[in-house]
Amino acid sequence: MVGRIWKLVGEIATYFTISMMELFVY
């Protein structure tokens, strides 16, 4: 289950990559 949580974090980070980069720059 810990391994699946680690993979889930990777999916969430990928989903928010562009949005968070632009938010920080903005």
mmCIF file of all heavy atoms, coordinates in Angstrom:
data_MODEL
# 
_entry.id   MODEL 
# 
loop_
_atom_site.group_PDB 
_atom_site.id 
_atom_site.type_symbol 
_atom_site.label_atom_id 
_atom_site.label_alt_id 
_atom_site.label_comp_id 
_atom_site.label_asym_id 
_atom_site.label_entity_id 
_atom_site.label_seq_id 
_atom_site.pdbx_PDB_ins_code 
_atom_site.Cartn_x 
_atom_site.Cartn_y 
_atom_site.Cartn_z 
_atom_site.occupancy 
_atom_site.B_iso_or_equiv 
_atom_site.pdbx_formal_charge 
_atom_site.auth_seq_id 
_atom_site.auth_comp_id 
_atom_site.auth_asym_id 
_atom_site.auth_atom_id 
_atom_site.pdbx_PDB_model_num 
ATOM 1   N N   . MET A 1 1  ? 0.820  -1.206 0.000   1.00 0.00 ? 1  MET A N   1 
ATOM 2   C CA  . MET A 1 1  ? 0.000  0.000  0.000   1.00 0.00 ? 1  MET A CA  1 
ATOM 3   C C   . MET A 1 1  ? 0.857  1.260  0.000   1.00 0.00 ? 1  MET A C   1 
ATOM 4   O O   . MET A 1 1  ? 0.518  2.255  -0.646  1.00 0.00 ? 1  MET A O   1 
ATOM 5   C CB  . MET A 1 1  ? -0.943 -0.013 1.212   1.00 0.00 ? 1  MET A CB  1 
ATOM 6   C CG  . MET A 1 1  ? -2.083 -1.008 1.074   1.00 0.00 ? 1  MET A CG  1 
ATOM 7   S SD  . MET A 1 1  ? -3.303 -0.900 2.387   1.00 0.00 ? 1  MET A SD  1 
ATOM 8   C CE  . MET A 1 1  ? -2.346 -1.505 3.785   1.00 0.00 ? 1  MET A CE  1 
ATOM 9   N N   . VAL A 1 2  ? 1.981  1.237  0.709   1.00 0.00 ? 2  VAL A N   1 
ATOM 10  C CA  . VAL A 1 2  ? 2.893  2.388  0.682   1.00 0.00 ? 2  VAL A CA  1 
ATOM 11  C C   . VAL A 1 2  ? 3.443  2.592  -0.732  1.00 0.00 ? 2  VAL A C   1 
ATOM 12  O O   . VAL A 1 2  ? 3.574  3.737  -1.204  1.00 0.00 ? 2  VAL A O   1 
ATOM 13  C CB  . VAL A 1 2  ? 4.030  2.185  1.701   1.00 0.00 ? 2  VAL A CB  1 
ATOM 14  C CG1 . VAL A 1 2  ? 5.129  3.226  1.500   1.00 0.00 ? 2  VAL A CG1 1 
ATOM 15  C CG2 . VAL A 1 2  ? 3.495  2.277  3.120   1.00 0.00 ? 2  VAL A CG2 1 
ATOM 16  N N   . GLY A 1 3  ? 3.760  1.506  -1.420  1.00 0.00 ? 3  GLY A N   1 
ATOM 17  C CA  . GLY A 1 3  ? 4.230  1.617  -2.793  1.00 0.00 ? 3  GLY A CA  1 
ATOM 18  C C   . GLY A 1 3  ? 3.180  2.215  -3.712  1.00 0.00 ? 3  GLY A C   1 
ATOM 19  O O   . GLY A 1 3  ? 3.493  3.028  -4.594  1.00 0.00 ? 3  GLY A O   1 
ATOM 20  N N   . ARG A 1 4  ? 1.927  1.858  -3.491  1.00 0.00 ? 4  ARG A N   1 
ATOM 21  C CA  . ARG A 1 4  ? 0.855  2.419  -4.310  1.00 0.00 ? 4  ARG A CA  1 
ATOM 22  C C   . ARG A 1 4  ? 0.641  3.904  -3.997  1.00 0.00 ? 4  ARG A C   1 
ATOM 23  O O   . ARG A 1 4  ? 0.322  4.685  -4.900  1.00 0.00 ? 4  ARG A O   1 
ATOM 24  C CB  . ARG A 1 4  ? -0.439 1.639  -4.083  1.00 0.00 ? 4  ARG A CB  1 
ATOM 25  C CG  . ARG A 1 4  ? -0.396 0.214  -4.621  1.00 0.00 ? 4  ARG A CG  1 
ATOM 26  C CD  . ARG A 1 4  ? -1.734 -0.475 -4.475  1.00 0.00 ? 4  ARG A CD  1 
ATOM 27  N NE  . ARG A 1 4  ? -2.775 0.193  -5.244  1.00 0.00 ? 4  ARG A NE  1 
ATOM 28  C CZ  . ARG A 1 4  ? -4.039 -0.227 -5.279  1.00 0.00 ? 4  ARG A CZ  1 
ATOM 29  N NH1 . ARG A 1 4  ? -4.398 -1.308 -4.587  1.00 0.00 ? 4  ARG A NH1 1 
ATOM 30  N NH2 . ARG A 1 4  ? -4.939 0.424  -5.990  1.00 0.00 ? 4  ARG A NH2 1 
ATOM 31  N N   . ILE A 1 5  ? 0.812  4.288  -2.735  1.00 0.00 ? 5  ILE A N   1 
ATOM 32  C CA  . ILE A 1 5  ? 0.706  5.710  -2.382  1.00 0.00 ? 5  ILE A CA  1 
ATOM 33  C C   . ILE A 1 5  ? 1.807  6.508  -3.071  1.00 0.00 ? 5  ILE A C   1 
ATOM 34  O O   . ILE A 1 5  ? 1.576  7.620  -3.570  1.00 0.00 ? 5  ILE A O   1 
ATOM 35  C CB  . ILE A 1 5  ? 0.764  5.883  -0.853  1.00 0.00 ? 5  ILE A CB  1 
ATOM 36  C CG1 . ILE A 1 5  ? -0.513 5.324  -0.216  1.00 0.00 ? 5  ILE A CG1 1 
ATOM 37  C CG2 . ILE A 1 5  ? 0.942  7.349  -0.477  1.00 0.00 ? 5  ILE A CG2 1 
ATOM 38  C CD1 . ILE A 1 5  ? -0.499 5.353  1.298   1.00 0.00 ? 5  ILE A CD1 1 
ATOM 39  N N   . TRP A 1 6  ? 3.017  5.952  -3.101  1.00 0.00 ? 6  TRP A N   1 
ATOM 40  C CA  . TRP A 1 6  ? 4.126  6.618  -3.789  1.00 0.00 ? 6  TRP A CA  1 
ATOM 41  C C   . TRP A 1 6  ? 3.799  6.814  -5.269  1.00 0.00 ? 6  TRP A C   1 
ATOM 42  O O   . TRP A 1 6  ? 4.054  7.889  -5.843  1.00 0.00 ? 6  TRP A O   1 
ATOM 43  C CB  . TRP A 1 6  ? 5.393  5.794  -3.637  1.00 0.00 ? 6  TRP A CB  1 
ATOM 44  C CG  . TRP A 1 6  ? 6.585  6.360  -4.333  1.00 0.00 ? 6  TRP A CG  1 
ATOM 45  C CD1 . TRP A 1 6  ? 7.445  7.314  -3.878  1.00 0.00 ? 6  TRP A CD1 1 
ATOM 46  C CD2 . TRP A 1 6  ? 7.047  6.009  -5.648  1.00 0.00 ? 6  TRP A CD2 1 
ATOM 47  N NE1 . TRP A 1 6  ? 8.408  7.575  -4.813  1.00 0.00 ? 6  TRP A NE1 1 
ATOM 48  C CE2 . TRP A 1 6  ? 8.198  6.793  -5.912  1.00 0.00 ? 6  TRP A CE2 1 
ATOM 49  C CE3 . TRP A 1 6  ? 6.607  5.107  -6.612  1.00 0.00 ? 6  TRP A CE3 1 
ATOM 50  C CZ2 . TRP A 1 6  ? 8.900  6.695  -7.103  1.00 0.00 ? 6  TRP A CZ2 1 
ATOM 51  C CZ3 . TRP A 1 6  ? 7.301  5.008  -7.818  1.00 0.00 ? 6  TRP A CZ3 1 
ATOM 52  C CH2 . TRP A 1 6  ? 8.441  5.793  -8.037  1.00 0.00 ? 6  TRP A CH2 1 
ATOM 53  N N   . LYS A 1 7  ? 3.232  5.804  -5.884  1.00 0.00 ? 7  LYS A N   1 
ATOM 54  C CA  . LYS A 1 7  ? 2.849  5.913  -7.294  1.00 0.00 ? 7  LYS A CA  1 
ATOM 55  C C   . LYS A 1 7  ? 1.717  6.916  -7.474  1.00 0.00 ? 7  LYS A C   1 
ATOM 56  O O   . LYS A 1 7  ? 1.695  7.676  -8.453  1.00 0.00 ? 7  LYS A O   1 
ATOM 57  C CB  . LYS A 1 7  ? 2.433  4.532  -7.817  1.00 0.00 ? 7  LYS A CB  1 
ATOM 58  C CG  . LYS A 1 7  ? 2.151  4.499  -9.305  1.00 0.00 ? 7  LYS A CG  1 
ATOM 59  C CD  . LYS A 1 7  ? 1.824  3.091  -9.770  1.00 0.00 ? 7  LYS A CD  1 
ATOM 60  C CE  . LYS A 1 7  ? 1.539  3.075  -11.273 1.00 0.00 ? 7  LYS A CE  1 
ATOM 61  N NZ  . LYS A 1 7  ? 1.199  1.704  -11.744 1.00 0.00 ? 7  LYS A NZ  1 
ATOM 62  N N   . LEU A 1 8  ? 0.778  6.948  -6.523  1.00 0.00 ? 8  LEU A N   1 
ATOM 63  C CA  . LEU A 1 8  ? -0.319 7.903  -6.591  1.00 0.00 ? 8  LEU A CA  1 
ATOM 64  C C   . LEU A 1 8  ? 0.195  9.341  -6.526  1.00 0.00 ? 8  LEU A C   1 
ATOM 65  O O   . LEU A 1 8  ? -0.302 10.216 -7.246  1.00 0.00 ? 8  LEU A O   1 
ATOM 66  C CB  . LEU A 1 8  ? -1.299 7.635  -5.441  1.00 0.00 ? 8  LEU A CB  1 
ATOM 67  C CG  . LEU A 1 8  ? -2.443 8.644  -5.258  1.00 0.00 ? 8  LEU A CG  1 
ATOM 68  C CD1 . LEU A 1 8  ? -3.373 8.627  -6.467  1.00 0.00 ? 8  LEU A CD1 1 
ATOM 69  C CD2 . LEU A 1 8  ? -3.227 8.339  -3.986  1.00 0.00 ? 8  LEU A CD2 1 
ATOM 70  N N   . VAL A 1 9  ? 1.180  9.583  -5.687  1.00 0.00 ? 9  VAL A N   1 
ATOM 71  C CA  . VAL A 1 9  ? 1.766  10.924 -5.597  1.00 0.00 ? 9  VAL A CA  1 
ATOM 72  C C   . VAL A 1 9  ? 2.379  11.331 -6.934  1.00 0.00 ? 9  VAL A C   1 
ATOM 73  O O   . VAL A 1 9  ? 2.279  12.490 -7.358  1.00 0.00 ? 9  VAL A O   1 
ATOM 74  C CB  . VAL A 1 9  ? 2.816  10.969 -4.464  1.00 0.00 ? 9  VAL A CB  1 
ATOM 75  C CG1 . VAL A 1 9  ? 3.625  12.261 -4.521  1.00 0.00 ? 9  VAL A CG1 1 
ATOM 76  C CG2 . VAL A 1 9  ? 2.140  10.836 -3.114  1.00 0.00 ? 9  VAL A CG2 1 
ATOM 77  N N   . GLY A 1 10 ? 3.019  10.396 -7.611  1.00 0.00 ? 10 GLY A N   1 
ATOM 78  C CA  . GLY A 1 10 ? 3.563  10.685 -8.934  1.00 0.00 ? 10 GLY A CA  1 
ATOM 79  C C   . GLY A 1 10 ? 2.482  11.072 -9.932  1.00 0.00 ? 10 GLY A C   1 
ATOM 80  O O   . GLY A 1 10 ? 2.675  11.996 -10.744 1.00 0.00 ? 10 GLY A O   1 
ATOM 81  N N   . GLU A 1 11 ? 1.327  10.389 -9.870  1.00 0.00 ? 11 GLU A N   1 
ATOM 82  C CA  . GLU A 1 11 ? 0.223  10.725 -10.763 1.00 0.00 ? 11 GLU A CA  1 
ATOM 83  C C   . GLU A 1 11 ? -0.331 12.113 -10.451 1.00 0.00 ? 11 GLU A C   1 
ATOM 84  O O   . GLU A 1 11 ? -0.618 12.903 -11.357 1.00 0.00 ? 11 GLU A O   1 
ATOM 85  C CB  . GLU A 1 11 ? -0.885 9.672  -10.622 1.00 0.00 ? 11 GLU A CB  1 
ATOM 86  C CG  . GLU A 1 11 ? -0.513 8.294  -11.129 1.00 0.00 ? 11 GLU A CG  1 
ATOM 87  C CD  . GLU A 1 11 ? -0.389 8.261  -12.638 1.00 0.00 ? 11 GLU A CD  1 
ATOM 88  O OE1 . GLU A 1 11 ? -1.125 8.995  -13.324 1.00 0.00 ? 11 GLU A OE1 1 
ATOM 89  O OE2 . GLU A 1 11 ? 0.462  7.513  -13.152 1.00 0.00 ? 11 GLU A OE2 1 
ATOM 90  N N   . ILE A 1 12 ? -0.490 12.430 -9.166  1.00 0.00 ? 12 ILE A N   1 
ATOM 91  C CA  . ILE A 1 12 ? -1.001 13.748 -8.781  1.00 0.00 ? 12 ILE A CA  1 
ATOM 92  C C   . ILE A 1 12 ? -0.024 14.842 -9.184  1.00 0.00 ? 12 ILE A C   1 
ATOM 93  O O   . ILE A 1 12 ? -0.425 15.901 -9.691  1.00 0.00 ? 12 ILE A O   1 
ATOM 94  C CB  . ILE A 1 12 ? -1.270 13.776 -7.259  1.00 0.00 ? 12 ILE A CB  1 
ATOM 95  C CG1 . ILE A 1 12 ? -2.430 12.833 -6.918  1.00 0.00 ? 12 ILE A CG1 1 
ATOM 96  C CG2 . ILE A 1 12 ? -1.578 15.189 -6.785  1.00 0.00 ? 12 ILE A CG2 1 
ATOM 97  C CD1 . ILE A 1 12 ? -2.693 12.700 -5.432  1.00 0.00 ? 12 ILE A CD1 1 
ATOM 98  N N   . ALA A 1 13 ? 1.271  14.593 -8.981  1.00 0.00 ? 13 ALA A N   1 
ATOM 99  C CA  . ALA A 1 13 ? 2.277  15.593 -9.359  1.00 0.00 ? 13 ALA A CA  1 
ATOM 100 C C   . ALA A 1 13 ? 2.267  15.834 -10.863 1.00 0.00 ? 13 ALA A C   1 
ATOM 101 O O   . ALA A 1 13 ? 2.399  16.976 -11.325 1.00 0.00 ? 13 ALA A O   1 
ATOM 102 C CB  . ALA A 1 13 ? 3.658  15.140 -8.896  1.00 0.00 ? 13 ALA A CB  1 
ATOM 103 N N   . THR A 1 14 ? 2.101  14.772 -11.644 1.00 0.00 ? 14 THR A N   1 
ATOM 104 C CA  . THR A 1 14 ? 2.040  14.930 -13.099 1.00 0.00 ? 14 THR A CA  1 
ATOM 105 C C   . THR A 1 14 ? 0.808  15.714 -13.515 1.00 0.00 ? 14 THR A C   1 
ATOM 106 O O   . THR A 1 14 ? 0.867  16.564 -14.420 1.00 0.00 ? 14 THR A O   1 
ATOM 107 C CB  . THR A 1 14 ? 2.035  13.547 -13.773 1.00 0.00 ? 14 THR A CB  1 
ATOM 108 O OG1 . THR A 1 14 ? 3.204  12.810 -13.374 1.00 0.00 ? 14 THR A OG1 1 
ATOM 109 C CG2 . THR A 1 14 ? 2.012  13.675 -15.286 1.00 0.00 ? 14 THR A CG2 1 
ATOM 110 N N   . TYR A 1 15 ? -0.315 15.438 -12.860 1.00 0.00 ? 15 TYR A N   1 
ATOM 111 C CA  . TYR A 1 15 ? -1.560 16.129 -13.206 1.00 0.00 ? 15 TYR A CA  1 
ATOM 112 C C   . TYR A 1 15 ? -1.456 17.633 -12.932 1.00 0.00 ? 15 TYR A C   1 
ATOM 113 O O   . TYR A 1 15 ? -1.972 18.461 -13.696 1.00 0.00 ? 15 TYR A O   1 
ATOM 114 C CB  . TYR A 1 15 ? -2.717 15.526 -12.406 1.00 0.00 ? 15 TYR A CB  1 
ATOM 115 C CG  . TYR A 1 15 ? -4.042 16.203 -12.642 1.00 0.00 ? 15 TYR A CG  1 
ATOM 116 C CD1 . TYR A 1 15 ? -4.769 15.981 -13.804 1.00 0.00 ? 15 TYR A CD1 1 
ATOM 117 C CD2 . TYR A 1 15 ? -4.570 17.082 -11.701 1.00 0.00 ? 15 TYR A CD2 1 
ATOM 118 C CE1 . TYR A 1 15 ? -5.984 16.607 -14.031 1.00 0.00 ? 15 TYR A CE1 1 
ATOM 119 C CE2 . TYR A 1 15 ? -5.785 17.719 -11.921 1.00 0.00 ? 15 TYR A CE2 1 
ATOM 120 C CZ  . TYR A 1 15 ? -6.488 17.471 -13.078 1.00 0.00 ? 15 TYR A CZ  1 
ATOM 121 O OH  . TYR A 1 15 ? -7.689 18.107 -13.291 1.00 0.00 ? 15 TYR A OH  1 
ATOM 122 N N   . PHE A 1 16 ? -0.774 18.016 -11.845 1.00 0.00 ? 16 PHE A N   1 
ATOM 123 C CA  . PHE A 1 16 ? -0.692 19.419 -11.454 1.00 0.00 ? 16 PHE A CA  1 
ATOM 124 C C   . PHE A 1 16 ? 0.594  20.099 -11.926 1.00 0.00 ? 16 PHE A C   1 
ATOM 125 O O   . PHE A 1 16 ? 0.844  21.247 -11.527 1.00 0.00 ? 16 PHE A O   1 
ATOM 126 C CB  . PHE A 1 16 ? -0.787 19.555 -9.930  1.00 0.00 ? 16 PHE A CB  1 
ATOM 127 C CG  . PHE A 1 16 ? -2.180 19.409 -9.385  1.00 0.00 ? 16 PHE A CG  1 
ATOM 128 C CD1 . PHE A 1 16 ? -2.606 18.206 -8.859  1.00 0.00 ? 16 PHE A CD1 1 
ATOM 129 C CD2 . PHE A 1 16 ? -3.062 20.475 -9.403  1.00 0.00 ? 16 PHE A CD2 1 
ATOM 130 C CE1 . PHE A 1 16 ? -3.887 18.062 -8.353  1.00 0.00 ? 16 PHE A CE1 1 
ATOM 131 C CE2 . PHE A 1 16 ? -4.344 20.349 -8.905  1.00 0.00 ? 16 PHE A CE2 1 
ATOM 132 C CZ  . PHE A 1 16 ? -4.764 19.133 -8.382  1.00 0.00 ? 16 PHE A CZ  1 
ATOM 133 N N   . THR A 1 17 ? 1.405  19.435 -12.717 1.00 0.00 ? 17 THR A N   1 
ATOM 134 C CA  . THR A 1 17 ? 2.708  20.000 -13.093 1.00 0.00 ? 17 THR A CA  1 
ATOM 135 C C   . THR A 1 17 ? 2.578  21.376 -13.735 1.00 0.00 ? 17 THR A C   1 
ATOM 136 O O   . THR A 1 17 ? 3.142  22.369 -13.260 1.00 0.00 ? 17 THR A O   1 
ATOM 137 C CB  . THR A 1 17 ? 3.439  19.036 -14.038 1.00 0.00 ? 17 THR A CB  1 
ATOM 138 O OG1 . THR A 1 17 ? 3.806  17.855 -13.320 1.00 0.00 ? 17 THR A OG1 1 
ATOM 139 C CG2 . THR A 1 17 ? 4.708  19.689 -14.583 1.00 0.00 ? 17 THR A CG2 1 
ATOM 140 N N   . ILE A 1 18 ? 1.841  21.463 -14.835 1.00 0.00 ? 18 ILE A N   1 
ATOM 141 C CA  . ILE A 1 18 ? 1.743  22.726 -15.569 1.00 0.00 ? 18 ILE A CA  1 
ATOM 142 C C   . ILE A 1 18 ? 1.018  23.776 -14.740 1.00 0.00 ? 18 ILE A C   1 
ATOM 143 O O   . ILE A 1 18 ? 1.430  24.949 -14.680 1.00 0.00 ? 18 ILE A O   1 
ATOM 144 C CB  . ILE A 1 18 ? 1.037  22.494 -16.914 1.00 0.00 ? 18 ILE A CB  1 
ATOM 145 C CG1 . ILE A 1 18 ? 1.857  21.529 -17.787 1.00 0.00 ? 18 ILE A CG1 1 
ATOM 146 C CG2 . ILE A 1 18 ? 0.827  23.814 -17.651 1.00 0.00 ? 18 ILE A CG2 1 
ATOM 147 C CD1 . ILE A 1 18 ? 1.216  21.200 -19.108 1.00 0.00 ? 18 ILE A CD1 1 
ATOM 148 N N   . SER A 1 19 ? -0.058 23.369 -14.071 1.00 0.00 ? 19 SER A N   1 
ATOM 149 C CA  . SER A 1 19 ? -0.859 24.327 -13.306 1.00 0.00 ? 19 SER A CA  1 
ATOM 150 C C   . SER A 1 19 ? -0.059 24.955 -12.180 1.00 0.00 ? 19 SER A C   1 
ATOM 151 O O   . SER A 1 19 ? -0.098 26.184 -11.981 1.00 0.00 ? 19 SER A O   1 
ATOM 152 C CB  . SER A 1 19 ? -2.101 23.623 -12.738 1.00 0.00 ? 19 SER A CB  1 
ATOM 153 O OG  . SER A 1 19 ? -2.896 23.079 -13.767 1.00 0.00 ? 19 SER A OG  1 
ATOM 154 N N   . MET A 1 20 ? 0.696  24.147 -11.433 1.00 0.00 ? 20 MET A N   1 
ATOM 155 C CA  . MET A 1 20 ? 1.448  24.688 -10.303 1.00 0.00 ? 20 MET A CA  1 
ATOM 156 C C   . MET A 1 20 ? 2.647  25.510 -10.772 1.00 0.00 ? 20 MET A C   1 
ATOM 157 O O   . MET A 1 20 ? 2.993  26.529 -10.157 1.00 0.00 ? 20 MET A O   1 
ATOM 158 C CB  . MET A 1 20 ? 1.906  23.556 -9.387  1.00 0.00 ? 20 MET A CB  1 
ATOM 159 C CG  . MET A 1 20 ? 0.760  22.823 -8.703  1.00 0.00 ? 20 MET A CG  1 
ATOM 160 S SD  . MET A 1 20 ? -0.361 23.911 -7.809  1.00 0.00 ? 20 MET A SD  1 
ATOM 161 C CE  . MET A 1 20 ? 0.711  24.525 -6.522  1.00 0.00 ? 20 MET A CE  1 
ATOM 162 N N   . MET A 1 21 ? 3.288  25.094 -11.853 1.00 0.00 ? 21 MET A N   1 
ATOM 163 C CA  . MET A 1 21 ? 4.395  25.895 -12.384 1.00 0.00 ? 21 MET A CA  1 
ATOM 164 C C   . MET A 1 21 ? 3.898  27.286 -12.780 1.00 0.00 ? 21 MET A C   1 
ATOM 165 O O   . MET A 1 21 ? 4.521  28.311 -12.456 1.00 0.00 ? 21 MET A O   1 
ATOM 166 C CB  . MET A 1 21 ? 5.023  25.188 -13.590 1.00 0.00 ? 21 MET A CB  1 
ATOM 167 C CG  . MET A 1 21 ? 5.878  23.981 -13.247 1.00 0.00 ? 21 MET A CG  1 
ATOM 168 S SD  . MET A 1 21 ? 6.539  23.168 -14.715 1.00 0.00 ? 21 MET A SD  1 
ATOM 169 C CE  . MET A 1 21 ? 7.484  24.506 -15.433 1.00 0.00 ? 21 MET A CE  1 
ATOM 170 N N   . GLU A 1 22 ? 2.782  27.329 -13.476 1.00 0.00 ? 22 GLU A N   1 
ATOM 171 C CA  . GLU A 1 22 ? 2.243  28.621 -13.899 1.00 0.00 ? 22 GLU A CA  1 
ATOM 172 C C   . GLU A 1 22 ? 1.761  29.445 -12.716 1.00 0.00 ? 22 GLU A C   1 
ATOM 173 O O   . GLU A 1 22 ? 1.912  30.675 -12.709 1.00 0.00 ? 22 GLU A O   1 
ATOM 174 C CB  . GLU A 1 22 ? 1.107  28.400 -14.895 1.00 0.00 ? 22 GLU A CB  1 
ATOM 175 C CG  . GLU A 1 22 ? 1.562  27.860 -16.235 1.00 0.00 ? 22 GLU A CG  1 
ATOM 176 C CD  . GLU A 1 22 ? 0.415  27.636 -17.187 1.00 0.00 ? 22 GLU A CD  1 
ATOM 177 O OE1 . GLU A 1 22 ? -0.696 27.315 -16.706 1.00 0.00 ? 22 GLU A OE1 1 
ATOM 178 O OE2 . GLU A 1 22 ? 0.611  27.775 -18.405 1.00 0.00 ? 22 GLU A OE2 1 
ATOM 179 N N   . LEU A 1 23 ? 1.191  28.795 -11.716 1.00 0.00 ? 23 LEU A N   1 
ATOM 180 C CA  . LEU A 1 23 ? 0.745  29.530 -10.524 1.00 0.00 ? 23 LEU A CA  1 
ATOM 181 C C   . LEU A 1 23 ? 1.927  30.164 -9.809  1.00 0.00 ? 23 LEU A C   1 
ATOM 182 O O   . LEU A 1 23 ? 1.861  31.338 -9.398  1.00 0.00 ? 23 LEU A O   1 
ATOM 183 C CB  . LEU A 1 23 ? -0.004 28.590 -9.582  1.00 0.00 ? 23 LEU A CB  1 
ATOM 184 C CG  . LEU A 1 23 ? -0.485 29.210 -8.262  1.00 0.00 ? 23 LEU A CG  1 
ATOM 185 C CD1 . LEU A 1 23 ? -1.536 30.284 -8.524  1.00 0.00 ? 23 LEU A CD1 1 
ATOM 186 C CD2 . LEU A 1 23 ? -1.035 28.137 -7.320  1.00 0.00 ? 23 LEU A CD2 1 
ATOM 187 N N   . PHE A 1 24 ? 3.021  29.435 -9.663  1.00 0.00 ? 24 PHE A N   1 
ATOM 188 C CA  . PHE A 1 24 ? 4.193  29.970 -8.983  1.00 0.00 ? 24 PHE A CA  1 
ATOM 189 C C   . PHE A 1 24 ? 4.792  31.137 -9.767  1.00 0.00 ? 24 PHE A C   1 
ATOM 190 O O   . PHE A 1 24 ? 5.151  32.173 -9.190  1.00 0.00 ? 24 PHE A O   1 
ATOM 191 C CB  . PHE A 1 24 ? 5.238  28.869 -8.778  1.00 0.00 ? 24 PHE A CB  1 
ATOM 192 C CG  . PHE A 1 24 ? 4.938  27.958 -7.622  1.00 0.00 ? 24 PHE A CG  1 
ATOM 193 C CD1 . PHE A 1 24 ? 3.641  27.603 -7.304  1.00 0.00 ? 24 PHE A CD1 1 
ATOM 194 C CD2 . PHE A 1 24 ? 5.960  27.438 -6.864  1.00 0.00 ? 24 PHE A CD2 1 
ATOM 195 C CE1 . PHE A 1 24 ? 3.363  26.760 -6.250  1.00 0.00 ? 24 PHE A CE1 1 
ATOM 196 C CE2 . PHE A 1 24 ? 5.696  26.592 -5.791  1.00 0.00 ? 24 PHE A CE2 1 
ATOM 197 C CZ  . PHE A 1 24 ? 4.384  26.254 -5.488  1.00 0.00 ? 24 PHE A CZ  1 
ATOM 198 N N   . VAL A 1 25 ? 4.891  30.970 -11.100 1.00 0.00 ? 25 VAL A N   1 
ATOM 199 C CA  . VAL A 1 25 ? 5.438  32.045 -11.932 1.00 0.00 ? 25 VAL A CA  1 
ATOM 200 C C   . VAL A 1 25 ? 4.519  33.262 -11.896 1.00 0.00 ? 25 VAL A C   1 
ATOM 201 O O   . VAL A 1 25 ? 4.982  34.417 -11.767 1.00 0.00 ? 25 VAL A O   1 
ATOM 202 C CB  . VAL A 1 25 ? 5.630  31.555 -13.384 1.00 0.00 ? 25 VAL A CB  1 
ATOM 203 C CG1 . VAL A 1 25 ? 6.011  32.710 -14.296 1.00 0.00 ? 25 VAL A CG1 1 
ATOM 204 C CG2 . VAL A 1 25 ? 6.701  30.469 -13.432 1.00 0.00 ? 25 VAL A CG2 1 
ATOM 205 N N   . TYR A 1 26 ? 3.218  33.036 -11.991 1.00 0.00 ? 26 TYR A N   1 
ATOM 206 C CA  . TYR A 1 26 ? 2.262  34.146 -11.995 1.00 0.00 ? 26 TYR A CA  1 
ATOM 207 C C   . TYR A 1 26 ? 2.300  34.916 -10.678 1.00 0.00 ? 26 TYR A C   1 
ATOM 208 O O   . TYR A 1 26 ? 2.328  36.166 -10.677 1.00 0.00 ? 26 TYR A O   1 
ATOM 209 C CB  . TYR A 1 26 ? 0.855  33.618 -12.258 1.00 0.00 ? 26 TYR A CB  1 
ATOM 210 C CG  . TYR A 1 26 ? -0.220 34.655 -12.078 1.00 0.00 ? 26 TYR A CG  1 
ATOM 211 C CD1 . TYR A 1 26 ? -0.455 35.627 -13.049 1.00 0.00 ? 26 TYR A CD1 1 
ATOM 212 C CD2 . TYR A 1 26 ? -1.008 34.676 -10.927 1.00 0.00 ? 26 TYR A CD2 1 
ATOM 213 C CE1 . TYR A 1 26 ? -1.431 36.590 -12.886 1.00 0.00 ? 26 TYR A CE1 1 
ATOM 214 C CE2 . TYR A 1 26 ? -1.982 35.640 -10.754 1.00 0.00 ? 26 TYR A CE2 1 
ATOM 215 C CZ  . TYR A 1 26 ? -2.195 36.588 -11.724 1.00 0.00 ? 26 TYR A CZ  1 
ATOM 216 O OH  . TYR A 1 26 ? -3.164 37.544 -11.554 1.00 0.00 ? 26 TYR A OH  1 
# 
